[in-house]
């Protein structure tokens, strides 16, 4: 009986997200009872290994160092699911026949994107999906990455002993991480605002389909630099303020400083989110607005939530990654930790890899 039950369990790859500030990792187990978190970890980058060459990627030495930490934190195996760098990516809205037509959609999409990028059709990797119909118009959203960038990324991870089994778009990882167990309302527009270190991402969905992505050039590194350079906070103090970590020394002055440094970034993020929602609402006029989900750094930040309410008047809810919040229940400030781990969770949740 024990062997039969174990056979029904499936271990995910390690969902691994790395930015210029820290490593974030999640591993999941799927069984007949649902999804549970096997291990999670957040730890800062090893500054001694930061390199200008392929600067968005850790060096092989730093990846080795990160791998050792993951093994000590309870992660199993070395299979990883990662996201490619967005610096060289491109997004394209294509008017193509519906998939049900039997037309060679993949080939048509590749030719259209190659013309747009002015390169050979085999110079890039392509991801695409059909968008909800708007009258008689059938559109496909395609995202392309240079094949050389993909190959270099895989090679870097393999040189450190990892086995990359999947490379997924961040917007799809975010959608997967915020997906409700019972599914989304079919015709409802929902938005996710993922606050990154150097840039942020607004992802809008109609039902379960990602229909629009807007990249925001700023992230929380500008707040970090302000705290460290202008206010002379230690990295530990800046981290506590940035992530709203509860601690005994949190004073009114600390709370005021936190609000002050977030106000500028919050206004900018909400303005970009407003543009994205206005565009999608105009495009899908009959679809009602649902909720906004915050993730990344500052998830649950009250200054940002108040700014969203002031400008948009759309309710902000916690992203429903239940398997993760259950595991984090014993930690302080669960919303902040869960928000930062969202992409890693969404990467790990690809049990088809």
Protein backbone atom coordinates (compact mmCIF):
# COMPACT_ATOMS: atom_id res chain seq x y z
CA UNK A 1 0.00 0.00 0.00
CA UNK A 2 2.84 2.42 0.84
CA UNK A 3 4.47 1.83 -2.54
CA UNK A 4 1.16 2.47 -4.30
CA UNK A 5 0.66 5.79 -2.52
CA UNK A 6 4.22 6.90 -3.20
CA UNK A 7 3.83 6.03 -6.87
CA UNK A 8 1.05 8.60 -7.13
CA UNK A 9 3.32 11.39 -5.91
CA UNK A 10 5.27 13.51 -8.35
CA UNK A 11 8.21 15.72 -7.45
CA UNK A 12 8.57 18.96 -9.40
CA UNK A 13 11.76 20.43 -10.74
CA UNK A 14 13.23 23.27 -8.68
CA UNK A 15 11.61 26.53 -9.74
CA UNK A 16 14.58 28.90 -9.65
CA UNK A 17 14.43 32.67 -10.16
CA UNK A 18 17.58 34.77 -9.85
CA UNK A 19 17.75 38.54 -10.16
CA UNK A 20 20.53 41.02 -9.41
CA UNK A 21 19.72 40.88 -5.70
CA UNK A 22 18.85 37.35 -4.63
CA UNK A 23 18.12 33.68 -5.37
CA UNK A 24 14.54 32.45 -4.94
CA UNK A 25 13.62 28.77 -5.20
CA UNK A 26 10.58 26.51 -4.65
CA UNK A 27 10.07 22.76 -5.07
CA UNK A 28 6.64 21.11 -4.98
CA UNK A 29 5.12 17.66 -4.60
CA UNK A 30 1.91 16.72 -6.41
CA UNK A 31 -0.25 13.89 -5.09
CA UNK A 32 -3.88 12.83 -5.01
CA UNK A 33 -4.31 15.16 -2.01
CA UNK A 34 -3.12 18.20 -3.97
CA UNK A 35 0.12 20.19 -4.14
CA UNK A 36 2.47 20.67 -1.19
CA UNK A 37 5.71 22.63 -0.87
CA UNK A 38 8.75 20.39 -0.37
CA UNK A 39 11.27 23.21 0.08
CA UNK A 40 11.69 26.96 -0.41
CA UNK A 41 14.58 29.36 -0.08
CA UNK A 42 15.46 33.03 -0.45
CA UNK A 43 19.07 34.11 -0.09
CA UNK A 44 21.16 37.06 -1.35
CA UNK A 45 23.47 36.94 -4.33
CA UNK A 46 27.13 36.20 -3.66
CA UNK A 47 28.66 39.60 -4.44
CA UNK A 48 32.11 38.17 -4.97
CA UNK A 49 30.91 36.27 -8.04
CA UNK A 50 29.02 39.05 -9.85
CA UNK A 51 30.42 39.41 -13.37
CA UNK A 52 29.94 41.93 -16.18
CA UNK A 53 29.92 39.11 -18.72
CA UNK A 54 26.32 37.93 -19.18
CA UNK A 55 25.64 40.20 -16.20
CA UNK A 56 22.04 39.06 -15.73
CA UNK A 57 23.27 35.51 -15.09
CA UNK A 58 25.36 34.36 -12.12
CA UNK A 59 28.77 32.93 -12.93
CA UNK A 60 29.22 29.17 -12.88
CA UNK A 61 30.99 29.54 -9.52
CA UNK A 62 28.07 31.43 -8.00
CA UNK A 63 25.60 28.88 -9.35
CA UNK A 64 27.70 26.12 -7.75
CA UNK A 65 27.57 28.07 -4.49
CA UNK A 66 23.78 28.47 -4.80
CA UNK A 67 23.38 24.77 -5.57
CA UNK A 68 25.16 23.85 -2.33
CA UNK A 69 22.81 26.09 -0.36
CA UNK A 70 19.74 24.54 -2.00
CA UNK A 71 20.90 21.03 -1.16
CA UNK A 72 21.29 22.06 2.50
CA UNK A 73 17.81 23.60 2.48
CA UNK A 74 16.09 20.32 1.60
CA UNK A 75 15.78 20.57 -2.19
CA UNK A 76 15.92 17.24 -4.00
CA UNK A 77 17.86 16.66 -7.23
CA UNK A 78 19.35 19.18 -9.63
CA UNK A 79 16.59 19.59 -12.24
CA UNK A 80 15.61 23.26 -12.53
CA UNK A 81 12.96 25.27 -14.32
CA UNK A 82 14.09 28.84 -15.07
CA UNK A 83 13.07 32.00 -16.92
CA UNK A 84 15.11 33.51 -19.74
CA UNK A 85 16.32 37.10 -19.64
CA UNK A 86 13.78 39.59 -20.99
CA UNK A 87 16.42 42.09 -22.16
CA UNK A 88 16.50 40.63 -25.67
CA UNK A 89 12.93 39.36 -25.89
CA UNK A 90 10.19 40.73 -28.11
CA UNK A 91 6.40 40.43 -27.98
CA UNK A 92 4.17 40.37 -31.05
CA UNK A 93 0.42 40.49 -31.67
CA UNK A 94 -0.22 38.52 -34.84
CA UNK A 95 -3.40 38.17 -36.90
CA UNK A 96 -3.41 34.45 -37.71
CA UNK A 97 -6.12 31.91 -38.50
CA UNK A 98 -7.66 30.16 -35.49
CA UNK A 99 -6.01 26.91 -34.41
CA UNK A 100 -9.19 25.04 -35.33
CA UNK A 101 -8.67 25.99 -38.98
CA UNK A 102 -5.88 23.45 -39.39
CA UNK A 103 -3.50 26.11 -40.71
CA UNK A 104 0.24 25.73 -39.86
CA UNK A 105 0.05 28.28 -37.04
CA UNK A 106 3.55 27.70 -35.69
CA UNK A 107 5.16 28.16 -39.10
CA UNK A 108 3.08 31.25 -39.87
CA UNK A 109 3.89 32.78 -36.46
CA UNK A 110 7.61 32.13 -36.92
CA UNK A 111 7.65 33.77 -40.35
CA UNK A 112 5.77 36.83 -39.07
CA UNK A 113 8.09 37.23 -36.09
CA UNK A 114 11.22 36.77 -38.22
CA UNK A 115 10.05 39.61 -40.47
CA UNK A 116 9.39 41.81 -37.45
CA UNK A 117 12.77 41.02 -35.84
CA UNK A 118 14.55 41.20 -39.21
CA UNK A 119 16.34 37.91 -38.68
CA UNK A 120 16.29 34.32 -39.92
CA UNK A 121 13.31 32.16 -38.84
CA UNK A 122 15.57 29.79 -36.90
CA UNK A 123 17.44 32.52 -34.98
CA UNK A 124 14.97 32.52 -32.07
CA UNK A 125 12.86 30.34 -29.81
CA UNK A 126 9.17 31.09 -29.96
CA UNK A 127 6.28 30.81 -27.53
CA UNK A 128 2.74 31.70 -28.62
CA UNK A 129 -0.91 31.27 -27.71
CA UNK A 130 -4.24 32.23 -29.22
CA UNK A 131 -6.03 35.22 -27.70
CA UNK A 132 -9.79 35.33 -27.03
CA UNK A 133 -11.68 36.27 -30.19
CA UNK A 134 -12.79 39.88 -30.73
CA UNK A 135 -15.60 39.69 -33.24
CA UNK A 136 -14.18 38.27 -36.47
CA UNK A 137 -10.58 39.08 -35.53
CA UNK A 138 -8.34 36.20 -34.47
CA UNK A 139 -5.09 37.22 -32.82
CA UNK A 140 -2.12 35.32 -31.41
CA UNK A 141 0.33 36.60 -28.81
CA UNK A 142 3.90 35.49 -29.57
CA UNK A 143 7.09 35.99 -27.55
CA UNK A 144 10.53 35.43 -29.09
CA UNK A 145 13.99 35.00 -27.53
CA UNK A 146 17.31 34.77 -29.39
CA UNK A 147 18.41 31.14 -29.61
CA UNK A 148 22.00 32.10 -28.72
CA UNK A 149 20.79 33.62 -25.42
CA UNK A 150 18.83 30.46 -24.60
CA UNK A 151 21.81 28.24 -25.41
CA UNK A 152 24.22 30.36 -23.33
CA UNK A 153 21.82 30.29 -20.38
CA UNK A 154 21.45 26.50 -20.51
CA UNK A 155 25.20 26.06 -20.86
CA UNK A 156 25.85 28.27 -17.83
CA UNK A 157 23.50 26.26 -15.61
CA UNK A 158 24.77 22.92 -16.89
CA UNK A 159 28.35 23.94 -16.14
CA UNK A 160 27.32 24.39 -12.50
CA UNK A 161 25.75 20.90 -12.27
CA UNK A 162 22.12 21.90 -12.81
CA UNK A 163 19.89 20.17 -15.36
CA UNK A 164 17.57 22.77 -16.96
CA UNK A 165 14.41 20.83 -17.81
CA UNK A 166 12.27 23.85 -18.57
CA UNK A 167 12.57 27.49 -19.55
CA UNK A 168 9.33 29.38 -19.12
CA UNK A 169 8.09 32.91 -19.69
CA UNK A 170 7.84 34.97 -16.52
CA UNK A 171 4.32 36.11 -17.41
CA UNK A 172 3.15 32.51 -17.65
CA UNK A 173 4.86 31.61 -14.36
CA UNK A 174 3.05 34.54 -12.74
CA UNK A 175 -0.28 33.44 -14.22
CA UNK A 176 0.31 29.88 -13.03
CA UNK A 177 1.25 31.08 -9.54
CA UNK A 178 -1.87 33.23 -9.16
CA UNK A 179 -4.27 30.71 -10.73
CA UNK A 180 -7.11 29.80 -8.38
CA UNK A 181 -7.78 26.09 -7.76
CA UNK A 182 -11.35 26.45 -9.04
CA UNK A 183 -10.27 28.41 -12.14
CA UNK A 184 -10.96 31.97 -13.16
CA UNK A 185 -14.25 33.54 -14.18
CA UNK A 186 -14.27 32.98 -17.93
CA UNK A 187 -14.98 36.55 -19.06
CA UNK A 188 -13.37 38.48 -16.18
CA UNK A 189 -10.26 40.65 -16.51
CA UNK A 190 -7.75 40.22 -13.68
CA UNK A 191 -4.38 41.89 -13.28
CA UNK A 192 -1.14 40.86 -11.60
CA UNK A 193 1.54 43.40 -10.77
CA UNK A 194 4.88 41.72 -10.20
CA UNK A 195 7.46 44.09 -8.70
CA UNK A 196 10.97 43.11 -9.66
CA UNK A 197 14.40 44.32 -8.67
CA UNK A 198 15.33 46.32 -11.77
CA UNK A 199 11.99 46.28 -13.62
CA UNK A 200 8.40 45.22 -13.01
CA UNK A 201 5.70 43.42 -14.96
CA UNK A 202 1.95 43.93 -15.32
CA UNK A 203 0.21 40.77 -16.52
CA UNK A 204 -3.46 40.89 -17.49
CA UNK A 205 -5.60 37.80 -17.99
CA UNK A 206 -9.04 37.11 -19.38
CA UNK A 207 -10.14 33.93 -17.67
CA UNK A 208 -7.05 31.72 -17.71
CA UNK A 209 -5.43 33.34 -20.76
CA UNK A 210 -2.66 35.95 -20.59
CA UNK A 211 -3.89 38.66 -22.97
CA UNK A 212 -1.56 41.59 -22.30
CA UNK A 213 1.84 42.20 -20.72
CA UNK A 214 3.32 45.61 -19.92
CA UNK A 215 6.91 45.98 -18.78
CA UNK A 216 7.72 48.78 -16.35
CA UNK A 217 11.30 50.00 -16.47
CA UNK A 218 11.64 50.57 -12.71
CA UNK A 219 11.78 48.18 -9.77
CA UNK A 220 12.69 48.31 -6.10
CA UNK A 221 16.44 48.72 -6.66
CA UNK A 222 15.80 52.46 -6.79
CA UNK A 223 14.27 52.27 -3.29
CA UNK A 224 17.20 50.14 -2.10
CA UNK A 225 19.74 52.62 -3.45
CA UNK A 226 17.89 55.47 -1.77
CA UNK A 227 17.86 53.69 1.59
CA UNK A 228 21.51 52.64 1.44
CA UNK A 229 23.05 55.71 -0.19
CA UNK A 230 20.94 58.61 1.08
CA UNK A 231 19.68 57.31 4.41
CA UNK A 232 22.79 55.22 5.16
CA UNK A 233 20.86 52.12 6.22
CA UNK A 234 22.67 48.82 6.51
CA UNK A 235 21.71 46.11 3.99
CA UNK A 236 19.82 44.34 6.80
CA UNK A 237 17.91 47.51 7.70
CA UNK A 238 17.15 48.26 4.07
CA UNK A 239 15.90 44.70 3.55
CA UNK A 240 13.58 44.90 6.57
CA UNK A 241 12.13 48.19 5.38
CA UNK A 242 11.84 47.12 1.77
CA UNK A 243 10.01 43.89 2.61
CA UNK A 244 8.02 45.24 5.56
CA UNK A 245 9.61 42.66 7.87
CA UNK A 246 8.23 42.78 11.40
CA UNK A 247 10.84 43.49 14.04
CA UNK A 248 11.03 44.86 17.57
CA UNK A 249 12.67 48.14 16.57
CA UNK A 250 10.01 49.26 14.11
CA UNK A 251 9.15 52.82 15.14
CA UNK A 252 6.87 55.52 13.79
CA UNK A 253 9.90 57.12 12.16
CA UNK A 254 10.74 53.81 10.47
CA UNK A 255 7.16 53.50 9.18
CA UNK A 256 7.22 57.08 7.84
CA UNK A 257 10.50 56.45 6.05
CA UNK A 258 9.09 53.28 4.53
CA UNK A 259 6.05 55.16 3.23
CA UNK A 260 8.17 58.02 1.90
CA UNK A 261 10.50 55.85 -0.18
CA UNK A 262 7.62 53.80 -1.59
CA UNK A 263 5.42 56.73 -2.64
CA UNK A 264 7.38 57.64 -5.76
CA UNK A 265 7.71 54.07 -7.06
CA UNK A 266 4.12 53.24 -6.13
CA UNK A 267 2.80 56.16 -8.18
CA UNK A 268 4.84 55.11 -11.19
CA UNK A 269 3.81 51.45 -10.99
CA UNK A 270 0.13 52.26 -10.61
CA UNK A 271 0.24 54.69 -13.53
CA UNK A 272 1.61 51.95 -15.79
CA UNK A 273 -0.92 49.46 -14.46
CA UNK A 274 -3.70 51.97 -15.17
CA UNK A 275 -2.57 52.24 -18.80
CA UNK A 276 -2.55 48.44 -19.16
CA UNK A 277 -6.02 48.00 -17.63
CA UNK A 278 -7.47 50.86 -19.69
CA UNK A 279 -6.15 49.31 -22.90
CA UNK A 280 -7.49 45.83 -22.12
CA UNK A 281 -10.84 47.17 -20.89
CA UNK A 282 -11.25 49.08 -24.15
CA UNK A 283 -10.28 46.01 -26.20
CA UNK A 284 -12.62 43.62 -24.33
CA UNK A 285 -15.43 46.04 -23.53
CA UNK A 286 -17.94 43.46 -22.35
CA UNK A 287 -15.59 41.87 -19.80
CA UNK A 288 -15.93 43.03 -16.17
CA UNK A 289 -12.89 43.91 -14.06
CA UNK A 290 -12.00 41.46 -11.30
CA UNK A 291 -9.10 41.99 -8.92
CA UNK A 292 -5.43 42.97 -8.76
CA UNK A 293 -2.81 40.63 -7.29
CA UNK A 294 0.52 41.91 -6.06
CA UNK A 295 3.69 39.83 -6.08
CA UNK A 296 7.43 40.31 -6.04
CA UNK A 297 9.08 42.75 -3.67
CA UNK A 298 6.71 44.72 -1.48
CA UNK A 299 3.73 42.40 -1.91
CA UNK A 300 1.21 43.60 0.65
CA UNK A 301 2.84 47.06 0.87
CA UNK A 302 0.11 49.36 2.17
CA UNK A 303 1.37 52.47 0.37
CA UNK A 304 1.08 50.67 -2.95
CA UNK A 305 -2.33 49.21 -2.09
CA UNK A 306 -3.67 52.65 -1.13
CA UNK A 307 -2.32 54.13 -4.36
CA UNK A 308 -4.08 51.42 -6.39
CA UNK A 309 -7.32 52.11 -4.54
CA UNK A 310 -6.95 55.87 -5.08
CA UNK A 311 -6.23 55.66 -8.82
CA UNK A 312 -8.04 52.51 -9.95
CA UNK A 313 -10.55 51.61 -7.26
CA UNK A 314 -10.03 47.90 -8.00
CA UNK A 315 -9.72 45.52 -5.02
CA UNK A 316 -6.28 44.11 -4.25
CA UNK A 317 -6.24 40.48 -3.10
CA UNK A 318 -3.54 38.06 -2.03
CA UNK A 319 -2.40 35.69 -4.77
CA UNK A 320 -3.87 32.25 -3.91
CA UNK A 321 -0.72 30.12 -3.86
CA UNK A 322 -2.10 28.00 -1.03
CA UNK A 323 0.61 25.32 -1.05
CA UNK A 324 3.22 28.02 -0.47
CA UNK A 325 1.42 30.07 2.18
CA UNK A 326 0.66 26.88 4.11
CA UNK A 327 4.39 26.09 4.26
CA UNK A 328 5.25 29.69 5.21
CA UNK A 329 2.62 29.89 7.96
CA UNK A 330 5.26 29.72 10.71
CA UNK A 331 7.24 32.62 9.21
CA UNK A 332 6.82 36.31 9.89
CA UNK A 333 5.29 38.46 7.16
CA UNK A 334 3.94 35.65 5.00
CA UNK A 335 2.55 37.94 2.22
CA UNK A 336 5.99 39.47 1.57
CA UNK A 337 7.78 36.11 1.44
CA UNK A 338 5.09 34.46 -0.66
CA UNK A 339 5.04 37.39 -3.06
CA UNK A 340 8.78 37.21 -3.64
CA UNK A 341 8.56 33.45 -4.24
CA UNK A 342 5.65 33.64 -6.69
CA UNK A 343 7.64 33.25 -9.93
CA UNK A 344 9.69 30.37 -8.51
CA UNK A 345 6.43 28.74 -7.41
CA UNK A 346 4.92 29.19 -10.88
CA UNK A 347 8.02 27.66 -12.47
CA UNK A 348 7.92 24.65 -10.12
CA UNK A 349 4.21 24.14 -10.82
CA UNK A 350 5.02 22.90 -14.34
CA UNK A 351 4.59 19.20 -13.54
CA UNK A 352 4.69 18.36 -17.26
CA UNK A 353 8.47 18.88 -17.35
